[in-house]
Amino acid sequence: MTSKLWAAIVMRFMRAILTIFVVITLVFFLSRAIGDPVSFYAPIDSTQEEIDFLKNKLGFDRPLIVQYGDFLYKAVQLDFGKSFTASRPAWDVVTERLQATVELGVSALIIGIVIGIPLGVVAAVRRGGIVDFSSRVIALLGQAVPNFWLGLILIFLVSVKLGWLPTGGRGDFQQLILPAVTLGTFPAAAIMRFTRSSMLEALQQDYIRTARSKGLTQRVVIMKHALRNSLLPVVTLMGLQVAGILSGSIIIETVFAWPGLGRLIIQAIIGTDFNIIQAAVFMTTIWIVFANLIVDISYMFLDPRIRTGGGSV
């Protein structure tokens, strides 16, 4: 790779680090803005002496700027304190649940890509046909139907009525199918629509007419010329879908009793486990920021003109 490409990658990496820094700073100050953090730890019937002792023990009686510096220092070391409910380091609890969420999220994104891109290409190439009409209807339903409702319907039909797949839990491949399909429905619909729209625009360009005039086959024109130049907005959408899948997994993991990060966040909010919430927010920020970083870098390989331009991170 050229020095300009390396410089562009380093610049985007630095932007990613800055974004993470801003987010964890917001987490710190917002947590203090909503009230005294000691209230998350102290029992309801605690005396003032017990509260003061707890403040001193946890360092909340120090100046805010000192607390902020200590928070950043510990965050860099991935130390967010102990979970109130699990009595273990919060970061360890979050990382244990992350594997399940990544497994579910990657499976859902793969479903979205495998279904969305081919269907979008076929719909664009055969514009106005039955495939185009059917795919648009499917895409509309995929984006309109709430995924938690779809999950409940799939559980009722596939698991309860037909008995084909388990209703929830995690352990084998069969338990992954229903939550992955449910979570992957929206990305598949969105990717299909973006692919179709981008392909329709690309097929009207002069370079496509030139390629056809050279006698290239339809397959080469579509796959090598039209599709490659149509991927930039689709890749952008894939980066955005990482955040969407993560937020959607909070509900889907609860519906299917999937022991992932989303379900942990719900449990932490209900149990006011403040340290778990902070660690989970930090983890999800890293996930989303670096997913967008990968998308940004992939732009430079899909379109060399972007290598010295702005990025999406």
Protein backbone atom coordinates (compact mmCIF):
# COMPACT_ATOMS: atom_id res chain seq x y z
CA MET A 1 0.00 0.00 0.00
CA THR A 2 1.11 3.57 -0.72
CA SER A 3 2.12 6.09 1.93
CA LYS A 4 -1.04 8.13 1.20
CA LEU A 5 -3.21 5.10 1.85
CA TRP A 6 -1.44 4.38 5.14
CA ALA A 7 -1.81 8.03 6.17
CA ALA A 8 -5.52 7.92 5.40
CA ILE A 9 -5.96 4.74 7.44
CA VAL A 10 -4.05 6.21 10.41
CA MET A 11 -6.16 9.38 10.25
CA ARG A 12 -9.39 7.38 10.33
CA PHE A 13 -8.05 5.28 13.21
CA MET A 14 -7.29 8.43 15.21
CA ARG A 15 -10.83 9.66 14.57
CA ALA A 16 -12.16 6.36 15.90
CA ILE A 17 -10.10 6.73 19.09
CA LEU A 18 -11.34 10.30 19.51
CA THR A 19 -14.96 9.15 19.12
CA ILE A 20 -14.50 6.51 21.82
CA PHE A 21 -12.93 9.12 24.11
CA VAL A 22 -15.88 11.49 23.61
CA VAL A 23 -18.40 8.72 24.33
CA ILE A 24 -16.78 7.55 27.57
CA THR A 25 -16.50 11.20 28.66
CA LEU A 26 -20.23 11.64 28.05
CA VAL A 27 -20.91 8.42 29.97
CA PHE A 28 -19.02 9.77 32.97
CA PHE A 29 -20.66 13.20 33.12
CA LEU A 30 -24.16 11.98 32.28
CA SER A 31 -23.92 9.39 35.04
CA ARG A 32 -23.15 12.19 37.47
CA ALA A 33 -25.85 14.43 36.04
CA ILE A 34 -28.68 11.98 36.76
CA GLY A 35 -27.91 11.91 40.47
CA ASP A 36 -25.56 10.73 43.17
CA PRO A 37 -23.82 7.51 42.00
CA VAL A 38 -23.80 6.28 45.59
CA SER A 39 -27.57 5.82 45.33
CA PHE A 40 -26.92 2.91 42.97
CA TYR A 41 -24.89 1.11 45.62
CA ALA A 42 -26.25 2.09 49.01
CA PRO A 43 -29.27 0.21 50.42
CA ILE A 44 -32.47 2.23 50.73
CA ASP A 45 -32.36 2.16 54.54
CA SER A 46 -28.71 3.33 54.77
CA THR A 47 -27.90 5.97 57.37
CA GLN A 48 -26.07 9.17 56.45
CA GLU A 49 -22.91 7.85 58.13
CA GLU A 50 -23.05 4.71 56.00
CA ILE A 51 -23.58 6.78 52.85
CA ASP A 52 -20.64 9.04 53.71
CA PHE A 53 -18.45 6.01 54.37
CA LEU A 54 -19.43 4.50 51.01
CA LYS A 55 -18.72 7.79 49.23
CA ASN A 56 -15.25 7.88 50.75
CA LYS A 57 -14.60 4.22 49.92
CA LEU A 58 -15.66 4.61 46.29
CA GLY A 59 -13.96 8.00 45.85
CA PHE A 60 -17.13 9.98 45.16
CA ASP A 61 -16.25 12.56 47.80
CA ARG A 62 -13.31 13.80 45.70
CA PRO A 63 -13.50 16.75 43.23
CA LEU A 64 -15.29 15.89 39.98
CA ILE A 65 -12.23 16.48 37.80
CA VAL A 66 -10.23 14.05 39.97
CA GLN A 67 -12.99 11.45 39.64
CA TYR A 68 -12.97 12.00 35.88
CA GLY A 69 -9.22 11.46 35.65
CA ASP A 70 -9.50 8.29 37.72
CA PHE A 71 -12.38 7.08 35.54
CA LEU A 72 -10.34 7.58 32.33
CA TYR A 73 -7.31 5.88 33.85
CA LYS A 74 -9.35 2.84 34.85
CA ALA A 75 -11.32 2.80 31.57
CA VAL A 76 -8.06 2.52 29.61
CA GLN A 77 -7.29 -0.53 31.77
CA LEU A 78 -10.85 -1.82 31.17
CA ASP A 79 -11.61 -1.49 34.87
CA PHE A 80 -15.20 -0.40 35.49
CA GLY A 81 -15.47 -1.74 39.02
CA LYS A 82 -17.40 -4.76 40.22
CA SER A 83 -20.88 -5.73 39.14
CA PHE A 84 -23.33 -5.08 41.95
CA THR A 85 -25.40 -8.16 41.13
CA ALA A 86 -22.66 -10.59 40.06
CA SER A 87 -19.97 -9.46 42.55
CA ARG A 88 -17.39 -9.80 39.77
CA PRO A 89 -15.50 -7.30 37.59
CA ALA A 90 -18.07 -5.65 35.31
CA TRP A 91 -15.82 -5.91 32.25
CA ASP A 92 -15.46 -9.67 32.69
CA VAL A 93 -19.23 -10.08 32.84
CA VAL A 94 -19.69 -7.98 29.68
CA THR A 95 -17.01 -9.77 27.66
CA GLU A 96 -18.49 -13.15 28.58
CA ARG A 97 -21.82 -12.08 27.11
CA LEU A 98 -20.25 -10.41 24.08
CA GLN A 99 -19.47 -13.70 22.34
CA ALA A 100 -23.14 -14.65 22.22
CA THR A 101 -24.13 -11.24 20.86
CA VAL A 102 -21.40 -11.31 18.20
CA GLU A 103 -22.51 -14.79 17.18
CA LEU A 104 -26.09 -13.62 16.80
CA GLY A 105 -25.22 -10.29 15.17
CA VAL A 106 -22.80 -11.72 12.62
CA SER A 107 -25.31 -14.43 11.70
CA ALA A 108 -28.06 -11.82 11.23
CA LEU A 109 -25.78 -9.63 9.09
CA ILE A 110 -24.76 -12.60 6.94
CA ILE A 111 -28.44 -13.40 6.40
CA GLY A 112 -29.04 -9.79 5.43
CA ILE A 113 -26.16 -9.76 2.93
CA VAL A 114 -26.85 -13.19 1.42
CA ILE A 115 -30.52 -12.36 0.87
CA GLY A 116 -30.40 -8.61 0.29
CA ILE A 117 -27.65 -8.16 -2.30
CA PRO A 118 -28.64 -10.94 -4.76
CA LEU A 119 -32.32 -10.03 -4.49
CA GLY A 120 -31.54 -6.35 -5.03
CA VAL A 121 -29.40 -7.10 -8.10
CA VAL A 122 -32.07 -9.33 -9.67
CA ALA A 123 -34.80 -6.78 -8.91
CA ALA A 124 -32.80 -4.01 -10.62
CA VAL A 125 -31.86 -6.08 -13.66
CA ARG A 126 -35.46 -7.26 -14.10
CA ARG A 127 -37.09 -3.97 -13.21
CA GLY A 128 -40.87 -4.03 -13.42
CA GLY A 129 -41.08 -7.82 -13.43
CA ILE A 130 -42.60 -10.19 -10.92
CA VAL A 131 -39.28 -10.61 -9.08
CA ASP A 132 -38.92 -6.85 -8.72
CA PHE A 133 -42.48 -6.45 -7.43
CA SER A 134 -42.20 -9.39 -5.03
CA SER A 135 -38.85 -8.24 -3.63
CA ARG A 136 -40.17 -4.74 -3.00
CA VAL A 137 -43.18 -6.13 -1.15
CA ILE A 138 -40.91 -8.37 0.92
CA ALA A 139 -38.60 -5.43 1.67
CA LEU A 140 -41.52 -3.27 2.73
CA LEU A 141 -42.81 -5.94 5.09
CA GLY A 142 -39.31 -6.66 6.39
CA GLN A 143 -38.83 -3.04 7.42
CA ALA A 144 -42.39 -2.44 8.63
CA VAL A 145 -42.93 -5.49 10.85
CA PRO A 146 -41.47 -5.06 14.38
CA ASN A 147 -38.81 -7.71 14.93
CA PHE A 148 -40.07 -8.62 18.41
CA TRP A 149 -43.52 -9.36 16.94
CA LEU A 150 -41.96 -11.39 14.13
CA GLY A 151 -39.95 -13.32 16.72
CA LEU A 152 -43.06 -14.18 18.71
CA ILE A 153 -44.87 -15.30 15.54
CA LEU A 154 -41.93 -17.51 14.51
CA ILE A 155 -41.81 -19.05 17.98
CA PHE A 156 -45.53 -19.80 17.83
CA LEU A 157 -45.52 -21.24 14.29
CA VAL A 158 -42.11 -22.91 13.97
CA SER A 159 -41.50 -23.99 17.55
CA VAL A 160 -44.87 -24.42 19.24
CA LYS A 161 -47.07 -25.56 16.35
CA LEU A 162 -44.57 -27.39 14.12
CA GLY A 163 -41.95 -28.31 16.73
CA TRP A 164 -39.10 -27.85 14.26
CA LEU A 165 -36.83 -25.61 16.32
CA PRO A 166 -36.36 -24.79 20.03
CA THR A 167 -38.09 -21.72 21.41
CA GLY A 168 -34.96 -20.14 22.88
CA GLY A 169 -31.70 -20.50 24.72
CA ARG A 170 -28.20 -20.94 23.36
CA GLY A 171 -26.15 -24.06 22.86
CA ASP A 172 -26.39 -25.52 19.38
CA PHE A 173 -26.99 -24.31 15.83
CA GLN A 174 -30.74 -24.97 15.93
CA GLN A 175 -31.15 -22.48 18.77
CA LEU A 176 -29.43 -19.81 16.67
CA ILE A 177 -31.68 -20.06 13.61
CA LEU A 178 -34.86 -18.34 14.82
CA PRO A 179 -33.23 -15.34 16.56
CA ALA A 180 -30.77 -14.86 13.66
CA VAL A 181 -33.56 -14.94 11.06
CA THR A 182 -35.67 -12.57 13.14
CA LEU A 183 -32.81 -10.12 13.65
CA GLY A 184 -31.61 -10.43 10.05
CA THR A 185 -34.98 -9.62 8.46
CA PHE A 186 -34.65 -5.85 8.72
CA PRO A 187 -31.04 -5.70 7.42
CA ALA A 188 -31.98 -7.98 4.52
CA ALA A 189 -34.86 -5.70 3.53
CA ALA A 190 -32.78 -2.53 3.86
CA ILE A 191 -29.80 -3.95 1.95
CA MET A 192 -32.10 -5.20 -0.81
CA ARG A 193 -33.67 -1.77 -1.27
CA PHE A 194 -30.32 0.04 -1.29
CA THR A 195 -28.79 -2.48 -3.70
CA ARG A 196 -31.72 -2.20 -6.09
CA SER A 197 -31.70 1.61 -6.03
CA SER A 198 -27.93 1.82 -6.47
CA MET A 199 -27.92 -0.76 -9.26
CA LEU A 200 -30.68 1.04 -11.15
CA GLU A 201 -28.62 4.23 -11.04
CA ALA A 202 -25.44 2.44 -12.12
CA LEU A 203 -27.15 0.70 -15.05
CA GLN A 204 -28.00 4.11 -16.54
CA GLN A 205 -24.38 5.28 -16.58
CA ASP A 206 -22.30 5.76 -19.73
CA TYR A 207 -19.64 3.23 -18.72
CA ILE A 208 -22.30 0.49 -18.67
CA ARG A 209 -23.35 1.35 -22.22
CA THR A 210 -19.69 1.37 -23.23
CA ALA A 211 -19.13 -2.04 -21.66
CA ARG A 212 -22.11 -3.46 -23.51
CA SER A 213 -20.98 -1.91 -26.80
CA LYS A 214 -17.69 -3.76 -26.41
CA GLY A 215 -19.58 -7.04 -26.57
CA LEU A 216 -19.19 -7.99 -22.91
CA THR A 217 -21.68 -10.53 -21.61
CA GLN A 218 -24.57 -9.43 -19.40
CA ARG A 219 -23.05 -11.27 -16.44
CA VAL A 220 -19.72 -9.46 -16.76
CA VAL A 221 -21.43 -6.08 -17.18
CA ILE A 222 -23.62 -6.64 -14.11
CA MET A 223 -21.12 -8.27 -11.76
CA LYS A 224 -17.85 -6.57 -12.69
CA HIS A 225 -18.97 -3.07 -13.63
CA ALA A 226 -22.43 -2.26 -12.28
CA LEU A 227 -22.36 -4.12 -8.97
CA ARG A 228 -18.89 -2.99 -7.90
CA ASN A 229 -19.76 0.66 -8.48
CA SER A 230 -23.06 0.16 -6.66
CA LEU A 231 -21.51 -1.19 -3.47
CA LEU A 232 -20.46 2.08 -1.80
CA PRO A 233 -23.92 3.04 -0.48
CA VAL A 234 -24.58 -0.63 0.36
CA VAL A 235 -21.34 -0.85 2.36
CA THR A 236 -22.34 2.36 4.15
CA LEU A 237 -25.65 0.78 5.06
CA MET A 238 -23.91 -2.36 6.35
CA GLY A 239 -21.91 -0.19 8.74
CA LEU A 240 -25.10 1.45 9.98
CA GLN A 241 -26.77 -1.95 10.33
CA VAL A 242 -24.14 -2.96 12.89
CA ALA A 243 -25.61 -0.38 15.25
CA GLY A 244 -29.13 -1.40 14.29
CA ILE A 245 -28.43 -5.07 14.88
CA LEU A 246 -26.89 -4.29 18.25
CA SER A 247 -29.88 -2.25 19.38
CA GLY A 248 -32.28 -4.83 17.96
CA SER A 249 -30.51 -7.63 19.76
CA ILE A 250 -31.54 -6.12 23.09
CA ILE A 251 -35.16 -7.05 22.37
CA ILE A 252 -34.49 -10.23 20.38
CA GLU A 253 -32.20 -11.67 23.06
CA THR A 254 -34.95 -11.10 25.60
CA VAL A 255 -37.62 -12.72 23.38
CA PHE A 256 -35.49 -15.81 22.67
CA ALA A 257 -33.76 -15.96 26.09
CA TRP A 258 -30.44 -15.54 24.29
CA PRO A 259 -27.70 -14.91 26.90
CA GLY A 260 -26.01 -12.02 25.12
CA LEU A 261 -24.97 -8.45 25.77
CA GLY A 262 -28.38 -7.00 24.94
CA ARG A 263 -30.15 -9.14 27.52
CA LEU A 264 -27.43 -8.27 30.04
CA ILE A 265 -28.06 -4.55 29.50
CA ILE A 266 -31.78 -5.01 30.17
CA GLN A 267 -31.02 -6.94 33.35
CA ALA A 268 -28.48 -4.31 34.44
CA ILE A 269 -30.98 -1.48 33.92
CA ILE A 270 -33.67 -3.32 35.88
CA GLY A 271 -31.20 -4.13 38.65
CA THR A 272 -29.54 -0.66 38.53
CA ASP A 273 -26.16 -2.31 38.06
CA PHE A 274 -24.38 0.92 37.18
CA ASN A 275 -20.92 -0.54 36.52
CA ILE A 276 -22.31 -3.12 34.09
CA ILE A 277 -24.12 -0.37 32.19
CA GLN A 278 -20.91 1.69 31.90
CA ALA A 279 -18.87 -1.30 30.73
CA ALA A 280 -21.57 -2.32 28.25
CA VAL A 281 -21.81 1.20 26.80
CA PHE A 282 -18.04 1.27 26.38
CA MET A 283 -18.06 -2.14 24.69
CA THR A 284 -20.88 -1.25 22.30
CA THR A 285 -19.15 2.03 21.44
CA ILE A 286 -15.99 0.16 20.47
CA TRP A 287 -18.06 -2.26 18.40
CA ILE A 288 -19.94 0.44 16.47
CA VAL A 289 -16.97 2.78 15.98
CA PHE A 290 -14.65 0.11 14.67
CA ALA A 291 -17.36 -1.37 12.46
CA ASN A 292 -17.64 2.05 10.84
CA LEU A 293 -13.85 2.26 10.69
CA ILE A 294 -13.74 -0.99 8.72
CA VAL A 295 -16.44 0.35 6.39
CA ASP A 296 -14.49 3.57 5.95
CA ILE A 297 -11.29 1.73 5.08
CA SER A 298 -13.14 -0.56 2.68
CA TYR A 299 -14.24 2.57 0.77
CA MET A 300 -10.64 3.23 -0.13
CA PHE A 301 -10.33 -0.16 -1.78
CA LEU A 302 -13.69 0.02 -3.54
CA ASP A 303 -13.06 3.57 -4.80
CA PRO A 304 -9.44 4.86 -4.83
CA ARG A 305 -10.72 8.45 -5.18
CA ILE A 306 -11.75 8.36 -1.49
CA ARG A 307 -8.26 7.56 -0.21
CA THR A 308 -7.35 11.17 0.28
CA GLY A 309 -10.86 12.44 1.03
CA GLY A 310 -13.07 12.54 4.11
CA GLY A 311 -14.36 9.51 5.94
CA SER A 312 -17.47 8.33 7.66
CA VAL A 313 -15.97 7.78 11.09
